[in-house]
C-alpha atoms as a PDB file:
ATOM      1  CA  MET A   1     -72.107  24.813 117.485  1.00  0.00           C
ATOM      2  CA  PHE A   2     -69.492  24.824 120.228  1.00  0.00           C
ATOM      3  CA  PHE A   3     -65.858  25.868 120.782  1.00  0.00           C
ATOM      4  CA  GLY A   4     -66.771  29.444 119.963  1.00  0.00           C
ATOM      5  CA  ALA A   5     -67.596  28.694 116.333  1.00  0.00           C
ATOM      6  CA  VAL A   6     -70.520  31.094 116.366  1.00  0.00           C
ATOM      7  CA  THR A   7     -68.741  33.974 118.093  1.00  0.00           C
ATOM      8  CA  LEU A   8     -65.628  33.694 115.924  1.00  0.00           C
ATOM      9  CA  GLU A   9     -67.726  33.304 112.760  1.00  0.00           C
ATOM     10  CA  LEU A  10     -65.803  30.266 111.608  1.00  0.00           C
ATOM     11  CA  THR A  11     -66.944  28.532 108.485  1.00  0.00           C
ATOM     12  CA  GLU A  12     -68.025  24.948 108.642  1.00  0.00           C
ATOM     13  CA  SER A  13     -64.824  23.696 107.002  1.00  0.00           C
ATOM     14  CA  LYS A  14     -62.578  25.524 109.471  1.00  0.00           C
ATOM     15  CA  PHE A  15     -64.644  24.172 112.340  1.00  0.00           C
ATOM     16  CA  PHE A  16     -64.318  20.655 110.912  1.00  0.00           C
ATOM     17  CA  ALA A  17     -60.551  21.117 110.547  1.00  0.00           C
ATOM     18  CA  GLU A  18     -60.275  22.285 114.149  1.00  0.00           C
ATOM     19  CA  THR A  19     -62.290  19.303 115.319  1.00  0.00           C
ATOM     20  CA  LEU A  20     -59.985  16.944 113.411  1.00  0.00           C
ATOM     21  CA  LEU A  21     -56.956  18.655 114.899  1.00  0.00           C
ATOM     22  CA  VAL A  22     -58.306  18.191 118.431  1.00  0.00           C
ATOM     23  CA  GLU A  23     -58.968  14.512 117.733  1.00  0.00           C
ATOM     24  CA  PHE A  24     -55.467  14.103 116.257  1.00  0.00           C
ATOM     25  CA  VAL A  25     -53.810  15.721 119.272  1.00  0.00           C
ATOM     26  CA  GLY A  26     -55.878  13.541 121.606  1.00  0.00           C
ATOM     27  CA  ALA A  27     -54.852  10.410 119.713  1.00  0.00           C
ATOM     28  CA  LYS A  28     -51.203  11.413 119.850  1.00  0.00           C
ATOM     29  CA  ALA A  29     -51.445  12.056 123.592  1.00  0.00           C
ATOM     30  CA  ASP A  30     -52.955   8.589 124.063  1.00  0.00           C
ATOM     31  CA  LEU A  31     -50.148   7.051 122.024  1.00  0.00           C
ATOM     32  CA  ILE A  32     -47.462   8.843 124.032  1.00  0.00           C
ATOM     33  CA  ALA A  33     -49.110   7.693 127.274  1.00  0.00           C
ATOM     34  CA  GLU A  34     -49.214   4.094 126.055  1.00  0.00           C
ATOM     35  CA  MET A  35     -45.549   4.214 124.976  1.00  0.00           C
ATOM     36  CA  THR A  36     -44.521   5.625 128.337  1.00  0.00           C
ATOM     37  CA  PHE A  37     -46.463   2.968 130.228  1.00  0.00           C
ATOM     38  CA  SER A  38     -44.917   0.275 128.036  1.00  0.00           C
ATOM     39  CA  LEU A  39     -41.417   1.600 128.709  1.00  0.00           C
ATOM     40  CA  VAL A  40     -42.024   1.761 132.465  1.00  0.00           C
ATOM     41  CA  TRP A  41     -43.376  -1.799 132.374  1.00  0.00           C
ATOM     42  CA  LYS A  42     -40.298  -3.059 130.496  1.00  0.00           C
ATOM     43  CA  ILE A  43     -37.962  -1.325 132.952  1.00  0.00           C
ATOM     44  CA  GLN A  44     -39.814  -2.927 135.856  1.00  0.00           C
ATOM     45  CA  VAL A  45     -39.642  -6.409 134.294  1.00  0.00           C
ATOM     46  CA  VAL A  46     -35.909  -6.066 133.591  1.00  0.00           C
ATOM     47  CA  SER A  47     -35.163  -4.746 137.088  1.00  0.00           C
ATOM     48  CA  VAL A  48     -37.106  -7.586 138.750  1.00  0.00           C
ATOM     49  CA  THR A  49     -35.248 -10.123 136.580  1.00  0.00           C
ATOM     50  CA  LEU A  50     -31.896  -8.596 137.490  1.00  0.00           C
ATOM     51  CA  LEU A  51     -32.850  -8.626 141.165  1.00  0.00           C
ATOM     52  CA  LYS A  52     -33.705 -12.343 140.954  1.00  0.00           C
ATOM     53  CA  VAL A  53     -30.349 -13.048 139.293  1.00  0.00           C
ATOM     54  CA  LEU A  54     -28.570 -11.094 142.012  1.00  0.00           C
ATOM     55  CA  ILE A  55     -30.380 -13.012 144.753  1.00  0.00           C
ATOM     56  CA  VAL A  56     -29.546 -16.384 143.169  1.00  0.00           C
ATOM     57  CA  ARG A  57     -25.913 -15.335 142.767  1.00  0.00           C
ATOM     58  CA  LEU A  58     -25.678 -14.271 146.414  1.00  0.00           C
ATOM     59  CA  VAL A  59     -27.286 -17.513 147.588  1.00  0.00           C
ATOM     60  CA  PHE A  60     -24.796 -19.601 145.595  1.00  0.00           C
ATOM     61  CA  GLN A  61     -21.855 -17.522 146.856  1.00  0.00           C
ATOM     62  CA  LYS A  62     -22.946 -18.053 150.462  1.00  0.00           C
ATOM     63  CA  ARG A  63     -23.403 -21.770 149.887  1.00  0.00           C
ATOM     64  CA  PHE A  64     -19.893 -22.116 148.491  1.00  0.00           C
ATOM     65  CA  LEU A  65     -18.413 -19.955 151.266  1.00  0.00           C
ATOM     66  CA  VAL A  66     -19.995 -22.109 153.980  1.00  0.00           C
ATOM     67  CA  LEU A  67     -18.656 -25.334 152.479  1.00  0.00           C
END
């Protein structure tokens, strides 16, 4: 056994519960990381779109000012 199960004299059920808890925490950490990446990706897409709109607007303003 590992995680100190022998030295702490944990029963098999407690060891199993601890293992499930570690897996649960790991899954939650993965989910939080995916959500954060998704949010960063959405912010990047929106900012690039807004930048394109700004560039097009500036180009049209210059074109009308020159005429």
